[in-house]
Amino acid sequence: MMITGIKIASFELIYLSGKMMRQSQDIYNDIGSILIAAAPNSAAKIIARAELSPEGDHCKCEFDYVDSTSGETNWFTAGAQANADLLDLLVELRRFLWKTSHHIGPLSGTPVK
């Protein structure tokens, strides 16, 4: 696999087989967007706990929120589609963090497998 980089202003875009490699902040933003959309309108704070399986094929998720009017902590369900989307994003984030912590790919110049 060939890796190429293009410098645009202060951003460096890394391409892997014709696809741009997303940065961790993009993944965190997508996770946050899903949680905000799934949480009750009265949520002032969202607390998400996730335990991802080693294989990345399932995830145990728990969602709480702090109510903006009462200050009480309650739970909510995100729904099947949100859970599936979160699973995909958590797998992507784990893969990204593993690759960057092991200096595989763009950071080391080693091709990503």
Protein backbone atom coordinates (compact mmCIF):
# COMPACT_ATOMS: atom_id res chain seq x y z
CA MET A 1 0.00 0.00 0.00
CA MET A 2 1.36 3.39 -0.92
CA ILE A 3 1.04 6.42 1.35
CA THR A 4 1.19 9.94 -0.01
CA GLY A 5 0.87 13.25 1.79
CA ILE A 6 -0.20 16.62 0.47
CA LYS A 7 0.50 19.78 2.47
CA ILE A 8 -2.40 22.24 2.32
CA ALA A 9 -1.98 25.39 4.47
CA SER A 10 -1.25 24.00 7.92
CA PHE A 11 -3.01 20.70 7.34
CA GLU A 12 -1.37 17.52 6.13
CA LEU A 13 -3.75 15.09 4.47
CA ILE A 14 -2.62 11.48 4.52
CA TYR A 15 -4.00 9.21 1.84
CA LEU A 16 -4.16 5.43 2.22
CA SER A 17 -5.07 3.62 -1.00
CA GLY A 18 -6.85 6.69 -2.31
CA LYS A 19 -8.72 7.38 0.98
CA MET A 20 -7.96 10.19 3.36
CA MET A 21 -7.07 8.95 6.84
CA ARG A 22 -9.32 10.71 9.36
CA GLN A 23 -7.86 12.33 12.43
CA SER A 24 -8.96 11.29 15.91
CA GLN A 25 -10.73 14.61 16.48
CA ASP A 26 -13.01 13.89 13.50
CA ILE A 27 -13.99 10.57 15.05
CA TYR A 28 -14.60 12.16 18.46
CA ASN A 29 -16.77 14.82 16.78
CA ASP A 30 -18.86 12.13 15.06
CA ILE A 31 -19.28 10.25 18.36
CA GLY A 32 -20.37 13.48 20.06
CA SER A 33 -22.87 14.25 17.29
CA ILE A 34 -24.51 10.84 17.69
CA LEU A 35 -24.70 11.22 21.47
CA ILE A 36 -26.18 14.74 21.26
CA ALA A 37 -28.80 13.59 18.76
CA ALA A 38 -29.77 10.59 20.92
CA ALA A 39 -29.85 12.33 24.30
CA PRO A 40 -32.97 13.98 25.73
CA ASN A 41 -33.36 17.69 24.95
CA SER A 42 -33.02 18.50 28.65
CA ALA A 43 -29.52 17.00 28.84
CA ALA A 44 -26.89 19.43 30.12
CA LYS A 45 -24.18 16.75 30.20
CA ILE A 46 -23.93 13.35 28.52
CA ILE A 47 -21.99 10.49 30.09
CA ALA A 48 -21.23 7.53 27.83
CA ARG A 49 -19.48 4.34 28.88
CA ALA A 50 -18.50 1.79 26.26
CA GLU A 51 -16.73 -1.54 26.47
CA LEU A 52 -15.60 -2.68 23.03
CA SER A 53 -14.98 -6.37 22.41
CA PRO A 54 -11.43 -7.36 21.40
CA GLU A 55 -12.77 -8.48 18.01
CA GLY A 56 -14.63 -5.20 17.48
CA ASP A 57 -17.87 -6.98 16.63
CA HIS A 58 -19.91 -5.84 19.63
CA CYS A 59 -19.92 -3.21 22.33
CA LYS A 60 -21.57 -2.76 25.71
CA CYS A 61 -22.80 0.83 26.00
CA GLU A 62 -24.40 2.75 28.85
CA PHE A 63 -25.71 6.29 28.48
CA ASP A 64 -26.50 8.75 31.27
CA TYR A 65 -27.27 12.44 31.24
CA VAL A 66 -27.51 15.24 33.74
CA ASP A 67 -30.85 17.02 33.45
CA SER A 68 -30.45 20.77 32.92
CA THR A 69 -33.45 21.70 35.08
CA SER A 70 -33.28 19.24 37.99
CA GLY A 71 -29.56 18.46 38.00
CA GLU A 72 -30.44 14.77 38.41
CA THR A 73 -28.59 12.03 36.57
CA ASN A 74 -30.78 9.71 34.50
CA TRP A 75 -30.15 7.07 31.85
CA PHE A 76 -31.30 6.93 28.24
CA THR A 77 -31.13 4.57 25.31
CA ALA A 78 -29.52 5.72 22.09
CA GLY A 79 -31.43 3.37 19.77
CA ALA A 80 -30.30 0.60 17.45
CA GLN A 81 -28.95 2.81 14.64
CA ALA A 82 -27.01 5.06 17.01
CA ASN A 83 -25.56 2.00 18.77
CA ALA A 84 -24.45 0.51 15.44
CA ASP A 85 -22.92 3.81 14.34
CA LEU A 86 -21.12 4.19 17.69
CA LEU A 87 -19.73 0.66 17.36
CA ASP A 88 -18.27 1.50 13.94
CA LEU A 89 -16.76 4.75 15.25
CA LEU A 90 -15.27 3.11 18.35
CA VAL A 91 -13.65 0.43 16.20
CA GLU A 92 -12.29 3.15 13.89
CA LEU A 93 -10.98 5.14 16.88
CA ARG A 94 -9.31 2.11 18.46
CA ARG A 95 -7.65 1.24 15.14
CA PHE A 96 -6.47 4.84 14.70
CA LEU A 97 -5.08 5.07 18.24
CA TRP A 98 -3.35 1.71 17.93
CA LYS A 99 -1.70 2.65 14.66
CA THR A 100 -0.52 6.04 15.92
CA SER A 101 0.72 4.68 19.25
CA HIS A 102 2.70 1.97 17.46
CA HIS A 103 3.98 4.47 14.87
CA ILE A 104 2.64 2.47 11.96
CA GLY A 105 1.87 4.27 8.77
CA PRO A 106 2.17 8.02 8.25
CA LEU A 107 4.14 8.72 11.42
CA SER A 108 6.91 6.25 10.60
CA GLY A 109 6.72 6.02 6.85
CA THR A 110 5.84 2.33 7.19
CA PRO A 111 2.95 1.18 4.99
CA VAL A 112 -0.30 0.53 6.87
CA LYS A 113 -1.65 -2.97 6.40
